PDB file of all heavy atoms in Angstrom:
ATOM      1  N   ALA A   1     -66.154 -73.208  15.826  1.00  0.00           N
ATOM      2  CA  ALA A   1     -65.758 -71.811  16.004  1.00  0.00           C
ATOM      3  C   ALA A   1     -66.976 -70.825  15.890  1.00  0.00           C
ATOM      4  O   ALA A   1     -66.913 -69.788  16.503  1.00  0.00           O
ATOM      5  CB  ALA A   1     -64.723 -71.450  15.013  1.00  0.00           C
ATOM      6  N   THR A   2     -67.952 -71.292  15.171  1.00  0.00           N
ATOM      7  CA  THR A   2     -69.151 -70.387  14.945  1.00  0.00           C
ATOM      8  C   THR A   2     -70.349 -70.845  15.720  1.00  0.00           C
ATOM      9  O   THR A   2     -71.287 -69.994  15.869  1.00  0.00           O
ATOM     10  CB  THR A   2     -69.479 -70.386  13.476  1.00  0.00           C
ATOM     11  OG1 THR A   2     -69.785 -71.635  13.011  1.00  0.00           O
ATOM     12  CG2 THR A   2     -68.264 -69.774  12.646  1.00  0.00           C
ATOM     13  N   LYS A   3     -70.386 -72.075  16.198  1.00  0.00           N
ATOM     14  CA  LYS A   3     -71.659 -72.567  16.797  1.00  0.00           C
ATOM     15  C   LYS A   3     -71.301 -73.406  18.031  1.00  0.00           C
ATOM     16  O   LYS A   3     -70.659 -74.484  17.917  1.00  0.00           O
ATOM     17  CB  LYS A   3     -72.433 -73.361  15.810  1.00  0.00           C
ATOM     18  CG  LYS A   3     -73.786 -73.807  16.352  1.00  0.00           C
ATOM     19  CD  LYS A   3     -74.570 -74.594  15.301  1.00  0.00           C
ATOM     20  CE  LYS A   3     -75.874 -75.160  15.812  1.00  0.00           C
ATOM     21  NZ  LYS A   3     -76.613 -75.911  14.812  1.00  0.00           N
ATOM     22  N   PRO A   4     -71.779 -72.979  19.214  1.00  0.00           N
ATOM     23  CA  PRO A   4     -71.583 -73.865  20.446  1.00  0.00           C
ATOM     24  C   PRO A   4     -72.556 -75.068  20.392  1.00  0.00           C
ATOM     25  O   PRO A   4     -73.698 -74.880  19.995  1.00  0.00           O
ATOM     26  CB  PRO A   4     -71.863 -72.937  21.517  1.00  0.00           C
ATOM     27  CG  PRO A   4     -72.775 -71.889  20.998  1.00  0.00           C
ATOM     28  CD  PRO A   4     -72.467 -71.728  19.585  1.00  0.00           C
ATOM     29  N   TYR A   5     -72.056 -76.204  20.835  1.00  0.00           N
ATOM     30  CA  TYR A   5     -72.959 -77.379  20.896  1.00  0.00           C
ATOM     31  C   TYR A   5     -72.355 -78.365  21.923  1.00  0.00           C
ATOM     32  O   TYR A   5     -71.253 -78.911  21.699  1.00  0.00           O
ATOM     33  CB  TYR A   5     -73.054 -78.080  19.520  1.00  0.00           C
ATOM     34  CG  TYR A   5     -74.096 -79.202  19.493  1.00  0.00           C
ATOM     35  CD1 TYR A   5     -75.347 -78.942  19.937  1.00  0.00           C
ATOM     36  CD2 TYR A   5     -73.770 -80.433  19.005  1.00  0.00           C
ATOM     37  CE1 TYR A   5     -76.287 -79.936  19.902  1.00  0.00           C
ATOM     38  CE2 TYR A   5     -74.696 -81.448  18.962  1.00  0.00           C
ATOM     39  CZ  TYR A   5     -76.036 -81.194  19.451  1.00  0.00           C
ATOM     40  OH  TYR A   5     -76.967 -82.160  19.376  1.00  0.00           O
ATOM     41  N   VAL A   6     -73.052 -78.474  23.056  1.00  0.00           N
ATOM     42  CA  VAL A   6     -72.579 -79.308  24.155  1.00  0.00           C
ATOM     43  C   VAL A   6     -73.641 -80.267  24.603  1.00  0.00           C
ATOM     44  O   VAL A   6     -74.827 -79.850  24.813  1.00  0.00           O
ATOM     45  CB  VAL A   6     -72.119 -78.411  25.376  1.00  0.00           C
ATOM     46  CG1 VAL A   6     -71.546 -79.296  26.470  1.00  0.00           C
ATOM     47  CG2 VAL A   6     -71.118 -77.368  24.900  1.00  0.00           C
ATOM     48  N   LEU A   7     -73.282 -81.584  24.804  1.00  0.00           N
ATOM     49  CA  LEU A   7     -74.179 -82.572  25.324  1.00  0.00           C
ATOM     50  C   LEU A   7     -73.656 -83.139  26.544  1.00  0.00           C
ATOM     51  O   LEU A   7     -72.485 -83.212  26.759  1.00  0.00           O
ATOM     52  CB  LEU A   7     -74.364 -83.681  24.236  1.00  0.00           C
ATOM     53  CG  LEU A   7     -74.889 -83.349  22.881  1.00  0.00           C
ATOM     54  CD1 LEU A   7     -74.892 -84.604  21.969  1.00  0.00           C
ATOM     55  CD2 LEU A   7     -76.275 -82.665  22.956  1.00  0.00           C
ATOM     56  N   ARG A   8     -74.590 -83.642  27.434  1.00  0.00           N
ATOM     57  CA  ARG A   8     -74.216 -84.372  28.611  1.00  0.00           C
ATOM     58  C   ARG A   8     -74.749 -85.768  28.510  1.00  0.00           C
ATOM     59  O   ARG A   8     -75.995 -85.905  28.228  1.00  0.00           O
ATOM     60  CB  ARG A   8     -74.710 -83.699  29.867  1.00  0.00           C
ATOM     61  CG  ARG A   8     -74.283 -84.373  31.156  1.00  0.00           C
ATOM     62  CD  ARG A   8     -74.715 -83.724  32.423  1.00  0.00           C
ATOM     63  NE  ARG A   8     -76.133 -83.704  32.610  1.00  0.00           N
ATOM     64  CZ  ARG A   8     -76.906 -82.659  32.659  1.00  0.00           C
ATOM     65  NH1 ARG A   8     -76.390 -81.475  32.564  1.00  0.00           N
ATOM     66  NH2 ARG A   8     -78.199 -82.769  32.840  1.00  0.00           N
ATOM     67  N   ALA A   9     -73.893 -86.802  28.671  1.00  0.00           N
ATOM     68  CA  ALA A   9     -74.319 -88.217  28.614  1.00  0.00           C
ATOM     69  C   ALA A   9     -74.234 -88.814  29.989  1.00  0.00           C
ATOM     70  O   ALA A   9     -73.274 -88.805  30.669  1.00  0.00           O
ATOM     71  CB  ALA A   9     -73.408 -88.937  27.613  1.00  0.00           C
ATOM     72  N   ASN A  10     -75.407 -89.373  30.402  1.00  0.00           N
ATOM     73  CA  ASN A  10     -75.487 -90.141  31.662  1.00  0.00           C
ATOM     74  C   ASN A  10     -75.519 -91.586  31.316  1.00  0.00           C
ATOM     75  O   ASN A  10     -76.374 -92.088  30.554  1.00  0.00           O
ATOM     76  CB  ASN A  10     -76.738 -89.773  32.485  1.00  0.00           C
ATOM     77  CG  ASN A  10     -76.720 -88.332  32.946  1.00  0.00           C
ATOM     78  OD1 ASN A  10     -75.712 -87.817  33.312  1.00  0.00           O
ATOM     79  ND2 ASN A  10     -77.847 -87.652  32.851  1.00  0.00           N
ATOM     80  N   ILE A  11     -74.527 -92.369  31.815  1.00  0.00           N
ATOM     81  CA  ILE A  11     -74.391 -93.721  31.438  1.00  0.00           C
ATOM     82  C   ILE A  11     -74.897 -94.705  32.583  1.00  0.00           C
ATOM     83  O   ILE A  11     -74.599 -94.490  33.729  1.00  0.00           O
ATOM     84  CB  ILE A  11     -72.888 -94.086  31.198  1.00  0.00           C
ATOM     85  CG1 ILE A  11     -72.239 -93.099  30.215  1.00  0.00           C
ATOM     86  CG2 ILE A  11     -72.723 -95.559  30.698  1.00  0.00           C
ATOM     87  CD1 ILE A  11     -72.913 -93.187  28.786  1.00  0.00           C
ATOM     88  N   SER A  12     -75.748 -95.577  32.193  1.00  0.00           N
ATOM     89  CA  SER A  12     -76.315 -96.606  33.174  1.00  0.00           C
ATOM     90  C   SER A  12     -75.938 -98.014  32.585  1.00  0.00           C
ATOM     91  O   SER A  12     -76.005 -98.222  31.378  1.00  0.00           O
ATOM     92  CB  SER A  12     -77.806 -96.480  33.306  1.00  0.00           C
ATOM     93  OG  SER A  12     -78.126 -95.190  33.828  1.00  0.00           O
ATOM     94  N   VAL A  13     -75.728 -98.924  33.493  1.00  0.00           N
ATOM     95  CA  VAL A  13     -75.359-100.278  33.141  1.00  0.00           C
ATOM     96  C   VAL A  13     -76.576-101.160  33.300  1.00  0.00           C
ATOM     97  O   VAL A  13     -77.279-101.096  34.293  1.00  0.00           O
ATOM     98  CB  VAL A  13     -74.228-100.794  34.072  1.00  0.00           C
ATOM     99  CG1 VAL A  13     -73.833-102.242  33.680  1.00  0.00           C
ATOM    100  CG2 VAL A  13     -72.934 -99.932  33.933  1.00  0.00           C
ATOM    101  N   ILE A  14     -76.815-102.021  32.227  1.00  0.00           N
ATOM    102  CA  ILE A  14     -77.886-103.063  32.309  1.00  0.00           C
ATOM    103  C   ILE A  14     -77.305-104.314  32.847  1.00  0.00           C
ATOM    104  O   ILE A  14     -76.378-104.940  32.277  1.00  0.00           O
ATOM    105  CB  ILE A  14     -78.490-103.258  30.974  1.00  0.00           C
ATOM    106  CG1 ILE A  14     -78.945-101.981  30.334  1.00  0.00           C
ATOM    107  CG2 ILE A  14     -79.665-104.234  31.088  1.00  0.00           C
ATOM    108  CD1 ILE A  14     -79.416-102.111  28.923  1.00  0.00           C
ATOM    109  N   GLN A  15     -77.706-104.780  34.061  1.00  0.00           N
ATOM    110  CA  GLN A  15     -77.129-105.922  34.691  1.00  0.00           C
ATOM    111  C   GLN A  15     -78.226-106.924  35.003  1.00  0.00           C
ATOM    112  O   GLN A  15     -79.385-106.567  35.374  1.00  0.00           O
ATOM    113  CB  GLN A  15     -76.379-105.549  35.957  1.00  0.00           C
ATOM    114  CG  GLN A  15     -75.042-104.875  35.725  1.00  0.00           C
ATOM    115  CD  GLN A  15     -74.357-104.607  37.035  1.00  0.00           C
ATOM    116  OE1 GLN A  15     -74.912-104.062  37.897  1.00  0.00           O
ATOM    117  NE2 GLN A  15     -73.047-104.971  37.109  1.00  0.00           N
ATOM    118  N   LYS A  16     -77.855-108.215  35.047  1.00  0.00           N
ATOM    119  CA  LYS A  16     -78.702-109.307  35.552  1.00  0.00           C
ATOM    120  C   LYS A  16     -78.538-109.345  37.039  1.00  0.00           C
ATOM    121  O   LYS A  16     -77.695-108.714  37.651  1.00  0.00           O
ATOM    122  CB  LYS A  16     -78.335-110.644  34.917  1.00  0.00           C
ATOM    123  CG  LYS A  16     -78.672-110.748  33.488  1.00  0.00           C
ATOM    124  CD  LYS A  16     -78.360-112.149  32.970  1.00  0.00           C
ATOM    125  CE  LYS A  16     -78.769-112.319  31.555  1.00  0.00           C
ATOM    126  NZ  LYS A  16     -78.426-113.759  31.018  1.00  0.00           N
ATOM    127  N   GLU A  17     -79.426-110.181  37.664  1.00  0.00           N
ATOM    128  CA  GLU A  17     -79.309-110.312  39.114  1.00  0.00           C
ATOM    129  C   GLU A  17     -77.981-110.927  39.558  1.00  0.00           C
ATOM    130  O   GLU A  17     -77.546-110.692  40.630  1.00  0.00           O
ATOM    131  CB  GLU A  17     -80.491-111.242  39.631  1.00  0.00           C
ATOM    132  CG  GLU A  17     -81.865-110.583  39.413  1.00  0.00           C
ATOM    133  CD  GLU A  17     -82.950-111.486  39.885  1.00  0.00           C
ATOM    134  OE1 GLU A  17     -82.678-112.595  40.341  1.00  0.00           O
ATOM    135  OE2 GLU A  17     -84.152-111.042  39.909  1.00  0.00           O
ATOM    136  N   THR A  18     -77.361-111.676  38.649  1.00  0.00           N
ATOM    137  CA  THR A  18     -76.088-112.312  38.933  1.00  0.00           C
ATOM    138  C   THR A  18     -74.955-111.326  38.817  1.00  0.00           C
ATOM    139  O   THR A  18     -73.806-111.637  39.183  1.00  0.00           O
ATOM    140  CB  THR A  18     -75.846-113.497  38.024  1.00  0.00           C
ATOM    141  OG1 THR A  18     -75.911-113.039  36.650  1.00  0.00           O
ATOM    142  CG2 THR A  18     -76.911-114.600  38.208  1.00  0.00           C
ATOM    143  N   GLY A  19     -75.254-110.110  38.314  1.00  0.00           N
ATOM    144  CA  GLY A  19     -74.159-109.114  38.131  1.00  0.00           C
ATOM    145  C   GLY A  19     -73.604-109.088  36.696  1.00  0.00           C
ATOM    146  O   GLY A  19     -72.736-108.286  36.463  1.00  0.00           O
ATOM    147  N   PHE A  20     -74.058-110.035  35.881  1.00  0.00           N
ATOM    148  CA  PHE A  20     -73.538-110.043  34.495  1.00  0.00           C
ATOM    149  C   PHE A  20     -74.005-108.850  33.702  1.00  0.00           C
ATOM    150  O   PHE A  20     -75.209-108.525  33.747  1.00  0.00           O
ATOM    151  CB  PHE A  20     -73.982-111.350  33.800  1.00  0.00           C
ATOM    152  CG  PHE A  20     -73.537-111.573  32.432  1.00  0.00           C
ATOM    153  CD1 PHE A  20     -72.211-111.929  32.201  1.00  0.00           C
ATOM    154  CD2 PHE A  20     -74.324-111.224  31.328  1.00  0.00           C
ATOM    155  CE1 PHE A  20     -71.783-112.131  30.869  1.00  0.00           C
ATOM    156  CE2 PHE A  20     -73.907-111.350  30.050  1.00  0.00           C
ATOM    157  CZ  PHE A  20     -72.623-111.832  29.848  1.00  0.00           C
ATOM    158  N   VAL A  21     -73.068-108.148  33.056  1.00  0.00           N
ATOM    159  CA  VAL A  21     -73.415-106.933  32.298  1.00  0.00           C
ATOM    160  C   VAL A  21     -74.036-107.299  30.987  1.00  0.00           C
ATOM    161  O   VAL A  21     -73.375-107.972  30.170  1.00  0.00           O
ATOM    162  CB  VAL A  21     -72.164-106.094  32.139  1.00  0.00           C
ATOM    163  CG1 VAL A  21     -72.506-104.818  31.289  1.00  0.00           C
ATOM    164  CG2 VAL A  21     -71.654-105.596  33.475  1.00  0.00           C
ATOM    165  N   ASN A  22     -75.247-106.845  30.738  1.00  0.00           N
ATOM    166  CA  ASN A  22     -75.950-107.123  29.480  1.00  0.00           C
ATOM    167  C   ASN A  22     -75.685-106.063  28.405  1.00  0.00           C
ATOM    168  O   ASN A  22     -75.883-106.246  27.242  1.00  0.00           O
ATOM    169  CB  ASN A  22     -77.412-107.350  29.702  1.00  0.00           C
ATOM    170  CG  ASN A  22     -77.710-108.785  29.885  1.00  0.00           C
ATOM    171  OD1 ASN A  22     -76.886-109.653  29.719  1.00  0.00           O
ATOM    172  ND2 ASN A  22     -78.980-109.033  30.240  1.00  0.00           N
ATOM    173  N   GLY A  23     -75.433-104.775  28.902  1.00  0.00           N
ATOM    174  CA  GLY A  23     -75.262-103.677  27.966  1.00  0.00           C
ATOM    175  C   GLY A  23     -75.224-102.347  28.744  1.00  0.00           C
ATOM    176  O   GLY A  23     -75.164-102.304  30.055  1.00  0.00           O
ATOM    177  N   LEU A  24     -75.348-101.315  27.938  1.00  0.00           N
ATOM    178  CA  LEU A  24     -75.359 -99.928  28.523  1.00  0.00           C
ATOM    179  C   LEU A  24     -76.534 -99.158  27.979  1.00  0.00           C
ATOM    180  O   LEU A  24     -77.034 -99.402  26.913  1.00  0.00           O
ATOM    181  CB  LEU A  24     -74.063 -99.212  28.073  1.00  0.00           C
ATOM    182  CG  LEU A  24     -72.756 -99.754  28.582  1.00  0.00           C
ATOM    183  CD1 LEU A  24     -71.642 -98.978  27.915  1.00  0.00           C
ATOM    184  CD2 LEU A  24     -72.614 -99.638  30.109  1.00  0.00           C
ATOM    185  N   ILE A  25     -76.987 -98.193  28.841  1.00  0.00           N
ATOM    186  CA  ILE A  25     -78.018 -97.197  28.405  1.00  0.00           C
ATOM    187  C   ILE A  25     -77.372 -95.858  28.553  1.00  0.00           C
ATOM    188  O   ILE A  25     -76.879 -95.466  29.650  1.00  0.00           O
ATOM    189  CB  ILE A  25     -79.282 -97.295  29.229  1.00  0.00           C
ATOM    190  CG1 ILE A  25     -80.012 -98.626  28.974  1.00  0.00           C
ATOM    191  CG2 ILE A  25     -80.183 -96.085  28.931  1.00  0.00           C
ATOM    192  CD1 ILE A  25     -80.673 -98.695  27.586  1.00  0.00           C
ATOM    193  N   ALA A  26     -77.352 -95.100  27.477  1.00  0.00           N
ATOM    194  CA  ALA A  26     -76.745 -93.670  27.524  1.00  0.00           C
ATOM    195  C   ALA A  26     -77.923 -92.752  27.218  1.00  0.00           C
ATOM    196  O   ALA A  26     -78.658 -92.832  26.242  1.00  0.00           O
ATOM    197  CB  ALA A  26     -75.660 -93.513  26.469  1.00  0.00           C
ATOM    198  N   VAL A  27     -78.085 -91.797  28.139  1.00  0.00           N
ATOM    199  CA  VAL A  27     -79.168 -90.738  27.995  1.00  0.00           C
ATOM    200  C   VAL A  27     -78.462 -89.442  27.719  1.00  0.00           C
ATOM    201  O   VAL A  27     -77.611 -88.998  28.519  1.00  0.00           O
ATOM    202  CB  VAL A  27     -80.022 -90.664  29.258  1.00  0.00           C
ATOM    203  CG1 VAL A  27     -81.140 -89.554  29.053  1.00  0.00           C
ATOM    204  CG2 VAL A  27     -80.708 -91.970  29.583  1.00  0.00           C
ATOM    205  N   LEU A  28     -78.806 -88.782  26.613  1.00  0.00           N
ATOM    206  CA  LEU A  28     -78.155 -87.592  26.135  1.00  0.00           C
ATOM    207  C   LEU A  28     -79.061 -86.370  26.424  1.00  0.00           C
ATOM    208  O   LEU A  28     -80.232 -86.446  26.098  1.00  0.00           O
ATOM    209  CB  LEU A  28     -77.862 -87.665  24.607  1.00  0.00           C
ATOM    210  CG  LEU A  28     -77.019 -88.843  24.162  1.00  0.00           C
ATOM    211  CD1 LEU A  28     -76.768 -88.812  22.673  1.00  0.00           C
ATOM    212  CD2 LEU A  28     -75.676 -88.892  24.872  1.00  0.00           C
ATOM    213  N   HIS A  29     -78.482 -85.313  26.986  1.00  0.00           N
ATOM    214  CA  HIS A  29     -79.179 -84.097  27.216  1.00  0.00           C
ATOM    215  C   HIS A  29     -78.449 -82.960  26.532  1.00  0.00           C
ATOM    216  O   HIS A  29     -77.188 -82.886  26.564  1.00  0.00           O
ATOM    217  CB  HIS A  29     -79.212 -83.714  28.729  1.00  0.00           C
ATOM    218  CG  HIS A  29     -79.774 -84.844  29.602  1.00  0.00           C
ATOM    219  ND1 HIS A  29     -81.112 -85.010  29.812  1.00  0.00           N
ATOM    220  CD2 HIS A  29     -79.134 -85.857  30.265  1.00  0.00           C
ATOM    221  CE1 HIS A  29     -81.312 -86.068  30.608  1.00  0.00           C
ATOM    222  NE2 HIS A  29     -80.096 -86.615  30.863  1.00  0.00           N
TER     223      HIS A  29
END
């Protein structure tokens, strides 16, 4: 109510060449 605070998160997927998902990378702004 007293302080604005907004973040934007860009999500990228870490994948092997086979398409297997190894994890995620989230970049916060």
